[in-house]
PDB file of all heavy atoms in Angstrom:
ATOM      1  N   PHE A   1     -82.800  -5.973 -13.579  1.00  0.00           N
ATOM      2  CA  PHE A   1     -84.178  -5.913 -13.100  1.00  0.00           C
ATOM      3  C   PHE A   1     -85.112  -5.503 -14.237  1.00  0.00           C
ATOM      4  O   PHE A   1     -86.201  -6.059 -14.404  1.00  0.00           O
ATOM      5  CB  PHE A   1     -84.311  -4.904 -11.952  1.00  0.00           C
ATOM      6  CG  PHE A   1     -83.682  -5.338 -10.659  1.00  0.00           C
ATOM      7  CD1 PHE A   1     -82.878  -4.465  -9.946  1.00  0.00           C
ATOM      8  CD2 PHE A   1     -83.896  -6.601 -10.140  1.00  0.00           C
ATOM      9  CE1 PHE A   1     -82.305  -4.848  -8.742  1.00  0.00           C
ATOM     10  CE2 PHE A   1     -83.332  -7.000  -8.938  1.00  0.00           C
ATOM     11  CZ  PHE A   1     -82.531  -6.117  -8.235  1.00  0.00           C
ATOM     12  N   ALA A   2     -84.689  -4.517 -15.024  1.00  0.00           N
ATOM     13  CA  ALA A   2     -85.520  -4.052 -16.133  1.00  0.00           C
ATOM     14  C   ALA A   2     -85.708  -5.143 -17.174  1.00  0.00           C
ATOM     15  O   ALA A   2     -86.820  -5.353 -17.686  1.00  0.00           O
ATOM     16  CB  ALA A   2     -84.886  -2.816 -16.783  1.00  0.00           C
ATOM     17  N   VAL A   3     -84.635  -5.863 -17.498  1.00  0.00           N
ATOM     18  CA  VAL A   3     -84.723  -6.952 -18.471  1.00  0.00           C
ATOM     19  C   VAL A   3     -85.618  -8.067 -17.932  1.00  0.00           C
ATOM     20  O   VAL A   3     -86.472  -8.613 -18.652  1.00  0.00           O
ATOM     21  CB  VAL A   3     -83.325  -7.469 -18.823  1.00  0.00           C
ATOM     22  CG1 VAL A   3     -83.400  -8.735 -19.665  1.00  0.00           C
ATOM     23  CG2 VAL A   3     -82.535  -6.392 -19.575  1.00  0.00           C
ATOM     24  N   HIS A   4     -85.435  -8.420 -16.667  1.00  0.00           N
ATOM     25  CA  HIS A   4     -86.284  -9.445 -16.043  1.00  0.00           C
ATOM     26  C   HIS A   4     -87.757  -9.070 -16.149  1.00  0.00           C
ATOM     27  O   HIS A   4     -88.598  -9.884 -16.553  1.00  0.00           O
ATOM     28  CB  HIS A   4     -85.883  -9.602 -14.576  1.00  0.00           C
ATOM     29  CG  HIS A   4     -86.869 -10.354 -13.736  1.00  0.00           C
ATOM     30  ND1 HIS A   4     -87.936  -9.737 -13.105  1.00  0.00           N
ATOM     31  CD2 HIS A   4     -86.976 -11.675 -13.426  1.00  0.00           C
ATOM     32  CE1 HIS A   4     -88.647 -10.633 -12.457  1.00  0.00           C
ATOM     33  NE2 HIS A   4     -88.089 -11.817 -12.623  1.00  0.00           N
ATOM     34  N   ASP A   5     -88.086  -7.846 -15.789  1.00  0.00           N
ATOM     35  CA  ASP A   5     -89.483  -7.424 -15.790  1.00  0.00           C
ATOM     36  C   ASP A   5     -90.053  -7.421 -17.204  1.00  0.00           C
ATOM     37  O   ASP A   5     -91.213  -7.805 -17.423  1.00  0.00           O
ATOM     38  CB  ASP A   5     -89.612  -6.037 -15.178  1.00  0.00           C
ATOM     39  CG  ASP A   5     -89.325  -6.029 -13.677  1.00  0.00           C
ATOM     40  OD1 ASP A   5     -89.108  -7.117 -13.107  1.00  0.00           O
ATOM     41  OD2 ASP A   5     -89.311  -4.936 -13.090  1.00  0.00           O
ATOM     42  N   ALA A   6     -89.256  -6.981 -18.182  1.00  0.00           N
ATOM     43  CA  ALA A   6     -89.723  -6.941 -19.569  1.00  0.00           C
ATOM     44  C   ALA A   6     -89.970  -8.349 -20.111  1.00  0.00           C
ATOM     45  O   ALA A   6     -90.933  -8.591 -20.849  1.00  0.00           O
ATOM     46  CB  ALA A   6     -88.713  -6.208 -20.446  1.00  0.00           C
ATOM     47  N   ILE A   7     -89.123  -9.302 -19.738  1.00  0.00           N
ATOM     48  CA  ILE A   7     -89.334 -10.697 -20.140  1.00  0.00           C
ATOM     49  C   ILE A   7     -90.610 -11.236 -19.511  1.00  0.00           C
ATOM     50  O   ILE A   7     -91.437 -11.877 -20.174  1.00  0.00           O
ATOM     51  CB  ILE A   7     -88.117 -11.563 -19.752  1.00  0.00           C
ATOM     52  CG1 ILE A   7     -86.905 -11.195 -20.606  1.00  0.00           C
ATOM     53  CG2 ILE A   7     -88.441 -13.052 -19.916  1.00  0.00           C
ATOM     54  CD1 ILE A   7     -85.596 -11.818 -20.122  1.00  0.00           C
ATOM     55  N   GLU A   8     -90.796 -10.971 -18.214  1.00  0.00           N
ATOM     56  CA  GLU A   8     -91.983 -11.459 -17.508  1.00  0.00           C
ATOM     57  C   GLU A   8     -93.268 -10.938 -18.142  1.00  0.00           C
ATOM     58  O   GLU A   8     -94.276 -11.644 -18.184  1.00  0.00           O
ATOM     59  CB  GLU A   8     -91.916 -11.039 -16.040  1.00  0.00           C
ATOM     60  CG  GLU A   8     -90.931 -11.817 -15.199  1.00  0.00           C
ATOM     61  CD  GLU A   8     -91.372 -13.241 -14.973  1.00  0.00           C
ATOM     62  OE1 GLU A   8     -92.447 -13.449 -14.381  1.00  0.00           O
ATOM     63  OE2 GLU A   8     -90.658 -14.159 -15.428  1.00  0.00           O
ATOM     64  N   LYS A   9     -93.222  -9.709 -18.642  1.00  0.00           N
ATOM     65  CA  LYS A   9     -94.407  -9.103 -19.244  1.00  0.00           C
ATOM     66  C   LYS A   9     -94.550  -9.431 -20.724  1.00  0.00           C
ATOM     67  O   LYS A   9     -95.506  -8.965 -21.360  1.00  0.00           O
ATOM     68  CB  LYS A   9     -94.359  -7.591 -19.035  1.00  0.00           C
ATOM     69  CG  LYS A   9     -94.472  -7.192 -17.574  1.00  0.00           C
ATOM     70  CD  LYS A   9     -94.218  -5.703 -17.379  1.00  0.00           C
ATOM     71  CE  LYS A   9     -94.272  -5.342 -15.896  1.00  0.00           C
ATOM     72  NZ  LYS A   9     -93.928  -3.916 -15.666  1.00  0.00           N
ATOM     73  N   GLY A  10     -93.632 -10.228 -21.285  1.00  0.00           N
ATOM     74  CA  GLY A  10     -93.714 -10.618 -22.682  1.00  0.00           C
ATOM     75  C   GLY A  10     -93.304  -9.540 -23.654  1.00  0.00           C
ATOM     76  O   GLY A  10     -93.606  -9.619 -24.848  1.00  0.00           O
ATOM     77  N   ARG A  11     -92.576  -8.540 -23.179  1.00  0.00           N
ATOM     78  CA  ARG A  11     -92.202  -7.427 -24.047  1.00  0.00           C
ATOM     79  C   ARG A  11     -90.921  -7.703 -24.835  1.00  0.00           C
ATOM     80  O   ARG A  11     -90.707  -7.119 -25.893  1.00  0.00           O
ATOM     81  CB  ARG A  11     -92.031  -6.154 -23.215  1.00  0.00           C
ATOM     82  CG  ARG A  11     -93.354  -5.644 -22.640  1.00  0.00           C
ATOM     83  CD  ARG A  11     -93.139  -4.505 -21.666  1.00  0.00           C
ATOM     84  NE  ARG A  11     -94.424  -3.946 -21.234  1.00  0.00           N
ATOM     85  CZ  ARG A  11     -94.561  -3.139 -20.194  1.00  0.00           C
ATOM     86  NH1 ARG A  11     -93.513  -2.800 -19.483  1.00  0.00           N
ATOM     87  NH2 ARG A  11     -95.750  -2.683 -19.869  1.00  0.00           N
ATOM     88  N   ILE A  12     -90.066  -8.541 -24.297  1.00  0.00           N
ATOM     89  CA  ILE A  12     -88.835  -8.920 -24.992  1.00  0.00           C
ATOM     90  C   ILE A  12     -88.620 -10.414 -24.828  1.00  0.00           C
ATOM     91  O   ILE A  12     -89.229 -11.065 -23.976  1.00  0.00           O
ATOM     92  CB  ILE A  12     -87.601  -8.151 -24.475  1.00  0.00           C
ATOM     93  CG1 ILE A  12     -87.308  -8.499 -23.008  1.00  0.00           C
ATOM     94  CG2 ILE A  12     -87.775  -6.647 -24.663  1.00  0.00           C
ATOM     95  CD1 ILE A  12     -86.015  -7.921 -22.481  1.00  0.00           C
ATOM     96  N   MET A  13     -87.726 -10.970 -25.633  1.00  0.00           N
ATOM     97  CA  MET A  13     -87.421 -12.397 -25.582  1.00  0.00           C
ATOM     98  C   MET A  13     -86.246 -12.645 -24.641  1.00  0.00           C
ATOM     99  O   MET A  13     -85.243 -11.926 -24.666  1.00  0.00           O
ATOM    100  CB  MET A  13     -87.085 -12.909 -26.982  1.00  0.00           C
ATOM    101  CG  MET A  13     -88.242 -12.854 -27.949  1.00  0.00           C
ATOM    102  SD  MET A  13     -87.773 -13.460 -29.593  1.00  0.00           S
ATOM    103  CE  MET A  13     -87.411 -15.172 -29.195  1.00  0.00           C
ATOM    104  N   GLY A  14     -86.394 -13.673 -23.835  1.00  0.00           N
ATOM    105  CA  GLY A  14     -85.320 -14.050 -22.930  1.00  0.00           C
ATOM    106  C   GLY A  14     -85.771 -15.189 -22.037  1.00  0.00           C
ATOM    107  O   GLY A  14     -86.961 -15.520 -21.986  1.00  0.00           O
ATOM    108  N   PRO A  15     -84.845 -15.798 -21.331  1.00  0.00           N
ATOM    109  CA  PRO A  15     -85.208 -16.893 -20.419  1.00  0.00           C
ATOM    110  C   PRO A  15     -85.972 -16.377 -19.208  1.00  0.00           C
ATOM    111  O   PRO A  15     -85.876 -15.194 -18.855  1.00  0.00           O
ATOM    112  CB  PRO A  15     -83.843 -17.465 -20.008  1.00  0.00           C
ATOM    113  CG  PRO A  15     -82.886 -16.347 -20.212  1.00  0.00           C
ATOM    114  CD  PRO A  15     -83.413 -15.507 -21.331  1.00  0.00           C
ATOM    115  N   ARG A  16     -86.737 -17.257 -18.568  1.00  0.00           N
ATOM    116  CA  ARG A  16     -87.304 -16.886 -17.270  1.00  0.00           C
ATOM    117  C   ARG A  16     -86.119 -16.762 -16.310  1.00  0.00           C
ATOM    118  O   ARG A  16     -85.138 -17.485 -16.418  1.00  0.00           O
ATOM    119  CB  ARG A  16     -88.355 -17.882 -16.802  1.00  0.00           C
ATOM    120  CG  ARG A  16     -87.890 -19.266 -16.485  1.00  0.00           C
ATOM    121  CD  ARG A  16     -89.060 -20.171 -16.085  1.00  0.00           C
ATOM    122  NE  ARG A  16     -89.838 -20.536 -17.277  1.00  0.00           N
ATOM    123  CZ  ARG A  16     -91.047 -20.035 -17.544  1.00  0.00           C
ATOM    124  NH1 ARG A  16     -91.616 -19.182 -16.731  1.00  0.00           N
ATOM    125  NH2 ARG A  16     -91.685 -20.407 -18.636  1.00  0.00           N
ATOM    126  N   MET A  17     -86.216 -15.841 -15.369  1.00  0.00           N
ATOM    127  CA  MET A  17     -85.041 -15.467 -14.593  1.00  0.00           C
ATOM    128  C   MET A  17     -85.332 -15.282 -13.119  1.00  0.00           C
ATOM    129  O   MET A  17     -86.420 -14.859 -12.733  1.00  0.00           O
ATOM    130  CB  MET A  17     -84.469 -14.135 -15.122  1.00  0.00           C
ATOM    131  CG  MET A  17     -83.907 -14.175 -16.510  1.00  0.00           C
ATOM    132  SD  MET A  17     -83.540 -12.502 -17.130  1.00  0.00           S
ATOM    133  CE  MET A  17     -82.419 -11.903 -15.868  1.00  0.00           C
ATOM    134  N   GLN A  18     -84.330 -15.596 -12.306  1.00  0.00           N
ATOM    135  CA  GLN A  18     -84.184 -15.028 -10.980  1.00  0.00           C
ATOM    136  C   GLN A  18     -83.007 -14.058 -11.032  1.00  0.00           C
ATOM    137  O   GLN A  18     -82.059 -14.278 -11.787  1.00  0.00           O
ATOM    138  CB  GLN A  18     -83.927 -16.106  -9.923  1.00  0.00           C
ATOM    139  CG  GLN A  18     -85.124 -16.976  -9.626  1.00  0.00           C
ATOM    140  CD  GLN A  18     -84.834 -18.024  -8.564  1.00  0.00           C
ATOM    141  OE1 GLN A  18     -83.732 -18.121  -8.032  1.00  0.00           O
ATOM    142  NE2 GLN A  18     -85.845 -18.838  -8.261  1.00  0.00           N
ATOM    143  N   VAL A  19     -83.078 -12.994 -10.248  1.00  0.00           N
ATOM    144  CA  VAL A  19     -82.024 -11.986 -10.264  1.00  0.00           C
ATOM    145  C   VAL A  19     -81.579 -11.677  -8.838  1.00  0.00           C
ATOM    146  O   VAL A  19     -82.406 -11.533  -7.936  1.00  0.00           O
ATOM    147  CB  VAL A  19     -82.487 -10.703 -10.972  1.00  0.00           C
ATOM    148  CG1 VAL A  19     -82.619 -10.926 -12.460  1.00  0.00           C
ATOM    149  CG2 VAL A  19     -83.820 -10.193 -10.417  1.00  0.00           C
ATOM    150  N   ALA A  20     -80.261 -11.581  -8.654  1.00  0.00           N
ATOM    151  CA  ALA A  20     -79.710 -11.365  -7.318  1.00  0.00           C
ATOM    152  C   ALA A  20     -79.519  -9.892  -6.991  1.00  0.00           C
ATOM    153  O   ALA A  20     -79.346  -9.539  -5.821  1.00  0.00           O
ATOM    154  CB  ALA A  20     -78.371 -12.093  -7.180  1.00  0.00           C
ATOM    155  N   GLY A  21     -79.534  -9.020  -7.984  1.00  0.00           N
ATOM    156  CA  GLY A  21     -79.216  -7.630  -7.698  1.00  0.00           C
ATOM    157  C   GLY A  21     -77.759  -7.483  -7.311  1.00  0.00           C
ATOM    158  O   GLY A  21     -76.882  -8.202  -7.795  1.00  0.00           O
ATOM    159  N   GLU A  22     -77.478  -6.552  -6.409  1.00  0.00           N
ATOM    160  CA  GLU A  22     -76.111  -6.369  -5.937  1.00  0.00           C
ATOM    161  C   GLU A  22     -75.719  -7.530  -5.012  1.00  0.00           C
ATOM    162  O   GLU A  22     -76.534  -8.036  -4.244  1.00  0.00           O
ATOM    163  CB  GLU A  22     -75.977  -5.047  -5.181  1.00  0.00           C
ATOM    164  CG  GLU A  22     -76.028  -3.824  -6.083  1.00  0.00           C
ATOM    165  CD  GLU A  22     -74.763  -3.653  -6.905  1.00  0.00           C
ATOM    166  OE1 GLU A  22     -73.684  -4.081  -6.453  1.00  0.00           O
ATOM    167  OE2 GLU A  22     -74.864  -3.088  -8.006  1.00  0.00           O
ATOM    168  N   VAL A  23     -74.458  -7.925  -5.089  1.00  0.00           N
ATOM    169  CA  VAL A  23     -73.943  -8.999  -4.236  1.00  0.00           C
ATOM    170  C   VAL A  23     -73.729  -8.455  -2.828  1.00  0.00           C
ATOM    171  O   VAL A  23     -73.136  -7.387  -2.645  1.00  0.00           O
ATOM    172  CB  VAL A  23     -72.629  -9.548  -4.815  1.00  0.00           C
ATOM    173  CG1 VAL A  23     -72.037 -10.607  -3.892  1.00  0.00           C
ATOM    174  CG2 VAL A  23     -72.856 -10.128  -6.204  1.00  0.00           C
ATOM    175  N   ILE A  24     -74.217  -9.185  -1.826  1.00  0.00           N
ATOM    176  CA  ILE A  24     -74.034  -8.789  -0.432  1.00  0.00           C
ATOM    177  C   ILE A  24     -72.559  -8.940  -0.074  1.00  0.00           C
ATOM    178  O   ILE A  24     -71.961 -10.002  -0.280  1.00  0.00           O
ATOM    179  CB  ILE A  24     -74.897  -9.647   0.515  1.00  0.00           C
ATOM    180  CG1 ILE A  24     -76.374  -9.632   0.093  1.00  0.00           C
ATOM    181  CG2 ILE A  24     -74.733  -9.176   1.965  1.00  0.00           C
ATOM    182  CD1 ILE A  24     -77.052  -8.308   0.204  1.00  0.00           C
ATOM    183  N   ARG A  25     -71.973  -7.888   0.492  1.00  0.00           N
ATOM    184  CA  ARG A  25     -70.544  -7.901   0.798  1.00  0.00           C
ATOM    185  C   ARG A  25     -70.275  -6.941   1.954  1.00  0.00           C
ATOM    186  O   ARG A  25     -71.065  -6.020   2.200  1.00  0.00           O
ATOM    187  CB  ARG A  25     -69.736  -7.487  -0.426  1.00  0.00           C
ATOM    188  CG  ARG A  25     -70.073  -6.106  -0.941  1.00  0.00           C
ATOM    189  CD  ARG A  25     -69.454  -5.838  -2.305  1.00  0.00           C
ATOM    190  NE  ARG A  25     -69.676  -4.465  -2.728  1.00  0.00           N
ATOM    191  CZ  ARG A  25     -70.767  -4.028  -3.350  1.00  0.00           C
ATOM    192  NH1 ARG A  25     -71.752  -4.868  -3.618  1.00  0.00           N
ATOM    193  NH2 ARG A  25     -70.881  -2.758  -3.705  1.00  0.00           N
ATOM    194  N   PRO A  26     -69.135  -7.081   2.662  1.00  0.00           N
ATOM    195  CA  PRO A  26     -68.807  -6.152   3.740  1.00  0.00           C
ATOM    196  C   PRO A  26     -68.101  -4.911   3.207  1.00  0.00           C
ATOM    197  O   PRO A  26     -67.700  -4.858   2.036  1.00  0.00           O
ATOM    198  CB  PRO A  26     -67.864  -6.968   4.619  1.00  0.00           C
ATOM    199  CG  PRO A  26     -67.158  -7.863   3.647  1.00  0.00           C
ATOM    200  CD  PRO A  26     -68.171  -8.196   2.583  1.00  0.00           C
ATOM    201  N   VAL A  27     -67.944  -3.928   4.058  1.00  0.00           N
ATOM    202  CA  VAL A  27     -67.151  -2.753   3.694  1.00  0.00           C
ATOM    203  C   VAL A  27     -65.740  -3.209   3.310  1.00  0.00           C
ATOM    204  O   VAL A  27     -65.138  -4.051   3.975  1.00  0.00           O
ATOM    205  CB  VAL A  27     -67.084  -1.760   4.868  1.00  0.00           C
ATOM    206  CG1 VAL A  27     -66.054  -0.667   4.600  1.00  0.00           C
ATOM    207  CG2 VAL A  27     -68.462  -1.152   5.111  1.00  0.00           C
ATOM    208  N   GLY A  28     -65.231  -2.672   2.191  1.00  0.00           N
ATOM    209  CA  GLY A  28     -63.913  -3.088   1.721  1.00  0.00           C
ATOM    210  C   GLY A  28     -63.919  -4.460   1.092  1.00  0.00           C
ATOM    211  O   GLY A  28     -62.868  -5.082   0.936  1.00  0.00           O
ATOM    212  N   GLY A  29     -65.094  -4.937   0.680  1.00  0.00           N
ATOM    213  CA  GLY A  29     -65.198  -6.295   0.156  1.00  0.00           C
ATOM    214  C   GLY A  29     -64.939  -6.395  -1.322  1.00  0.00           C
ATOM    215  O   GLY A  29     -63.867  -6.024  -1.804  1.00  0.00           O
ATOM    216  N   GLU A  30     -65.958  -6.827  -2.071  1.00  0.00           N
ATOM    217  CA  GLU A  30     -65.773  -7.257  -3.453  1.00  0.00           C
ATOM    218  C   GLU A  30     -65.100  -6.220  -4.339  1.00  0.00           C
ATOM    219  O   GLU A  30     -64.292  -6.564  -5.190  1.00  0.00           O
ATOM    220  CB  GLU A  30     -67.134  -7.621  -4.056  1.00  0.00           C
ATOM    221  CG  GLU A  30     -67.035  -8.150  -5.475  1.00  0.00           C
ATOM    222  CD  GLU A  30     -68.401  -8.251  -6.126  1.00  0.00           C
ATOM    223  OE1 GLU A  30     -69.360  -7.663  -5.600  1.00  0.00           O
ATOM    224  OE2 GLU A  30     -68.494  -8.908  -7.157  1.00  0.00           O
ATOM    225  N   LEU A  31     -65.398  -4.952  -4.163  1.00  0.00           N
ATOM    226  CA  LEU A  31     -64.889  -3.934  -5.083  1.00  0.00           C
ATOM    227  C   LEU A  31     -63.558  -3.330  -4.662  1.00  0.00           C
ATOM    228  O   LEU A  31     -63.052  -2.443  -5.333  1.00  0.00           O
ATOM    229  CB  LEU A  31     -65.917  -2.800  -5.222  1.00  0.00           C
ATOM    230  CG  LEU A  31     -67.289  -3.179  -5.747  1.00  0.00           C
ATOM    231  CD1 LEU A  31     -68.151  -1.936  -5.889  1.00  0.00           C
ATOM    232  CD2 LEU A  31     -67.190  -3.894  -7.080  1.00  0.00           C
ATOM    233  N   ARG A  32     -62.956  -3.805  -3.578  1.00  0.00           N
ATOM    234  CA  ARG A  32     -61.819  -3.092  -3.035  1.00  0.00           C
ATOM    235  C   ARG A  32     -60.619  -3.040  -3.980  1.00  0.00           C
ATOM    236  O   ARG A  32     -59.812  -2.122  -3.904  1.00  0.00           O
ATOM    237  CB  ARG A  32     -61.396  -3.693  -1.692  1.00  0.00           C
ATOM    238  CG  ARG A  32     -60.721  -5.065  -1.771  1.00  0.00           C
ATOM    239  CD  ARG A  32     -60.555  -5.653  -0.368  1.00  0.00           C
ATOM    240  NE  ARG A  32     -59.739  -6.853  -0.375  1.00  0.00           N
ATOM    241  CZ  ARG A  32     -60.144  -8.043  -0.780  1.00  0.00           C
ATOM    242  NH1 ARG A  32     -61.388  -8.188  -1.231  1.00  0.00           N
ATOM    243  NH2 ARG A  32     -59.361  -9.090  -0.756  1.00  0.00           N
ATOM    244  N   SER A  33     -60.480  -4.025  -4.865  1.00  0.00           N
ATOM    245  CA  SER A  33     -59.334  -4.036  -5.766  1.00  0.00           C
ATOM    246  C   SER A  33     -59.622  -3.309  -7.075  1.00  0.00           C
ATOM    247  O   SER A  33     -58.728  -3.162  -7.896  1.00  0.00           O
ATOM    248  CB  SER A  33     -58.911  -5.478  -6.071  1.00  0.00           C
ATOM    249  OG  SER A  33     -59.946  -6.166  -6.738  1.00  0.00           O
ATOM    250  N   TRP A  34     -60.865  -2.845  -7.287  1.00  0.00           N
ATOM    251  CA  TRP A  34     -61.229  -2.192  -8.542  1.00  0.00           C
ATOM    252  C   TRP A  34     -61.419  -0.677  -8.388  1.00  0.00           C
ATOM    253  O   TRP A  34     -61.186   0.082  -9.313  1.00  0.00           O
ATOM    254  CB  TRP A  34     -62.515  -2.796  -9.110  1.00  0.00           C
ATOM    255  CG  TRP A  34     -62.362  -4.201  -9.555  1.00  0.00           C
ATOM    256  CD1 TRP A  34     -61.329  -4.724 -10.277  1.00  0.00           C
ATOM    257  CD2 TRP A  34     -63.253  -5.281  -9.306  1.00  0.00           C
ATOM    258  NE1 TRP A  34     -61.520  -6.058 -10.485  1.00  0.00           N
ATOM    259  CE2 TRP A  34     -62.705  -6.434  -9.901  1.00  0.00           C
ATOM    260  CE3 TRP A  34     -64.468  -5.391  -8.640  1.00  0.00           C
ATOM    261  CZ2 TRP A  34     -63.323  -7.666  -9.863  1.00  0.00           C
ATOM    262  CZ3 TRP A  34     -65.086  -6.627  -8.594  1.00  0.00           C
ATOM    263  CH2 TRP A  34     -64.514  -7.746  -9.197  1.00  0.00           C
ATOM    264  N   LEU A  35     -61.879  -0.246  -7.226  1.00  0.00           N
ATOM    265  CA  LEU A  35     -62.213   1.160  -7.034  1.00  0.00           C
ATOM    266  C   LEU A  35     -61.558   1.696  -5.766  1.00  0.00           C
ATOM    267  O   LEU A  35     -61.326   0.966  -4.805  1.00  0.00           O
ATOM    268  CB  LEU A  35     -63.731   1.332  -6.928  1.00  0.00           C
ATOM    269  CG  LEU A  35     -64.550   0.927  -8.149  1.00  0.00           C
ATOM    270  CD1 LEU A  35     -66.031   0.971  -7.813  1.00  0.00           C
ATOM    271  CD2 LEU A  35     -64.248   1.816  -9.340  1.00  0.00           C
ATOM    272  N   ARG A  36     -61.247   2.979  -5.770  1.00  0.00           N
ATOM    273  CA  ARG A  36     -60.709   3.607  -4.579  1.00  0.00           C
ATOM    274  C   ARG A  36     -61.735   3.570  -3.456  1.00  0.00           C
ATOM    275  O   ARG A  36     -62.944   3.658  -3.696  1.00  0.00           O
ATOM    276  CB  ARG A  36     -60.326   5.051  -4.912  1.00  0.00           C
ATOM    277  CG  ARG A  36     -59.116   5.149  -5.803  1.00  0.00           C
ATOM    278  CD  ARG A  36     -58.964   6.526  -6.416  1.00  0.00           C
ATOM    279  NE  ARG A  36     -59.017   7.591  -5.408  1.00  0.00           N
ATOM    280  CZ  ARG A  36     -58.920   8.882  -5.711  1.00  0.00           C
ATOM    281  NH1 ARG A  36     -58.799   9.242  -6.989  1.00  0.00           N
ATOM    282  NH2 ARG A  36     -58.965   9.788  -4.759  1.00  0.00           N
ATOM    283  N   PRO A  37     -61.286   3.440  -2.186  1.00  0.00           N
ATOM    284  CA  PRO A  37     -62.224   3.290  -1.074  1.00  0.00           C
ATOM    285  C   PRO A  37     -63.261   4.401  -0.986  1.00  0.00           C
ATOM    286  O   PRO A  37     -64.403   4.154  -0.592  1.00  0.00           O
ATOM    287  CB  PRO A  37     -61.300   3.288   0.154  1.00  0.00           C
ATOM    288  CG  PRO A  37     -59.988   2.818  -0.361  1.00  0.00           C
ATOM    289  CD  PRO A  37     -59.876   3.339  -1.762  1.00  0.00           C
ATOM    290  N   GLU A  38     -62.882   5.648  -1.340  1.00  0.00           N
ATOM    291  CA  GLU A  38     -63.845   6.736  -1.227  1.00  0.00           C
ATOM    292  C   GLU A  38     -64.903   6.688  -2.325  1.00  0.00           C
ATOM    293  O   GLU A  38     -65.942   7.359  -2.241  1.00  0.00           O
ATOM    294  CB  GLU A  38     -63.133   8.100  -1.240  1.00  0.00           C
ATOM    295  CG  GLU A  38     -62.368   8.404  -2.513  1.00  0.00           C
ATOM    296  CD  GLU A  38     -60.904   7.972  -2.449  1.00  0.00           C
ATOM    297  OE1 GLU A  38     -60.611   6.955  -1.774  1.00  0.00           O
ATOM    298  OE2 GLU A  38     -60.071   8.642  -3.079  1.00  0.00           O
ATOM    299  N   ILE A  39     -64.670   5.901  -3.401  1.00  0.00           N
ATOM    300  CA  ILE A  39     -65.628   5.785  -4.489  1.00  0.00           C
ATOM    301  C   ILE A  39     -66.617   4.652  -4.237  1.00  0.00           C
ATOM    302  O   ILE A  39     -67.783   4.737  -4.610  1.00  0.00           O
ATOM    303  CB  ILE A  39     -64.896   5.558  -5.834  1.00  0.00           C
ATOM    304  CG1 ILE A  39     -64.038   6.777  -6.177  1.00  0.00           C
ATOM    305  CG2 ILE A  39     -65.877   5.262  -6.961  1.00  0.00           C
ATOM    306  CD1 ILE A  39     -63.198   6.601  -7.417  1.00  0.00           C
ATOM    307  N   GLU A  40     -66.172   3.598  -3.565  1.00  0.00           N
ATOM    308  CA  GLU A  40     -66.999   2.402  -3.394  1.00  0.00           C
ATOM    309  C   GLU A  40     -68.390   2.695  -2.839  1.00  0.00           C
ATOM    310  O   GLU A  40     -69.388   2.142  -3.332  1.00  0.00           O
ATOM    311  CB  GLU A  40     -66.300   1.373  -2.510  1.00  0.00           C
ATOM    312  CG  GLU A  40     -67.113   0.113  -2.300  1.00  0.00           C
ATOM    313  CD  GLU A  40     -66.439  -0.891  -1.383  1.00  0.00           C
ATOM    314  OE1 GLU A  40     -65.217  -0.820  -1.199  1.00  0.00           O
ATOM    315  OE2 GLU A  40     -67.159  -1.750  -0.848  1.00  0.00           O
ATOM    316  N   PRO A  41     -68.547   3.577  -1.834  1.00  0.00           N
ATOM    317  CA  PRO A  41     -69.899   3.806  -1.296  1.00  0.00           C
ATOM    318  C   PRO A  41     -70.895   4.365  -2.297  1.00  0.00           C
ATOM    319  O   PRO A  41     -72.103   4.322  -2.048  1.00  0.00           O
ATOM    320  CB  PRO A  41     -69.643   4.801  -0.155  1.00  0.00           C
ATOM    321  CG  PRO A  41     -68.233   4.575   0.255  1.00  0.00           C
ATOM    322  CD  PRO A  41     -67.515   4.254  -1.021  1.00  0.00           C
ATOM    323  N   LEU A  42     -70.406   4.890  -3.425  1.00  0.00           N
ATOM    324  CA  LEU A  42     -71.322   5.401  -4.440  1.00  0.00           C
ATOM    325  C   LEU A  42     -72.043   4.280  -5.180  1.00  0.00           C
ATOM    326  O   LEU A  42     -73.041   4.524  -5.859  1.00  0.00           O
ATOM    327  CB  LEU A  42     -70.552   6.258  -5.456  1.00  0.00           C
ATOM    328  CG  LEU A  42     -69.834   7.499  -4.896  1.00  0.00           C
ATOM    329  CD1 LEU A  42     -69.029   8.166  -6.003  1.00  0.00           C
ATOM    330  CD2 LEU A  42     -70.840   8.476  -4.296  1.00  0.00           C
ATOM    331  N   PHE A  43     -71.538   3.048  -5.079  1.00  0.00           N
ATOM    332  CA  PHE A  43     -72.065   1.947  -5.875  1.00  0.00           C
ATOM    333  C   PHE A  43     -72.911   1.022  -5.006  1.00  0.00           C
ATOM    334  O   PHE A  43     -72.438   0.077  -4.394  1.00  0.00           O
ATOM    335  CB  PHE A  43     -70.926   1.178  -6.557  1.00  0.00           C
ATOM    336  CG  PHE A  43     -70.223   2.008  -7.591  1.00  0.00           C
ATOM    337  CD1 PHE A  43     -69.113   2.757  -7.257  1.00  0.00           C
ATOM    338  CD2 PHE A  43     -70.704   2.083  -8.891  1.00  0.00           C
ATOM    339  CE1 PHE A  43     -68.485   3.543  -8.207  1.00  0.00           C
ATOM    340  CE2 PHE A  43     -70.084   2.870  -9.833  1.00  0.00           C
ATOM    341  CZ  PHE A  43     -68.977   3.609  -9.495  1.00  0.00           C
TER     342      PHE A  43
END
C-alpha cells in the first residue's frame, strides 16, 4: 500500500498498480501449513 501510494504521488518510480492487500481466506486457510493455529490470528 505504501509503495502504491508513493508511486501514485510521483515520489518513487514504479508501475501503476492495483493492490489486493491480504488474500481473503477462511479460518485455517492459506496460512495453515506455515504457522501454528494460535499464531495465525495475529496476521
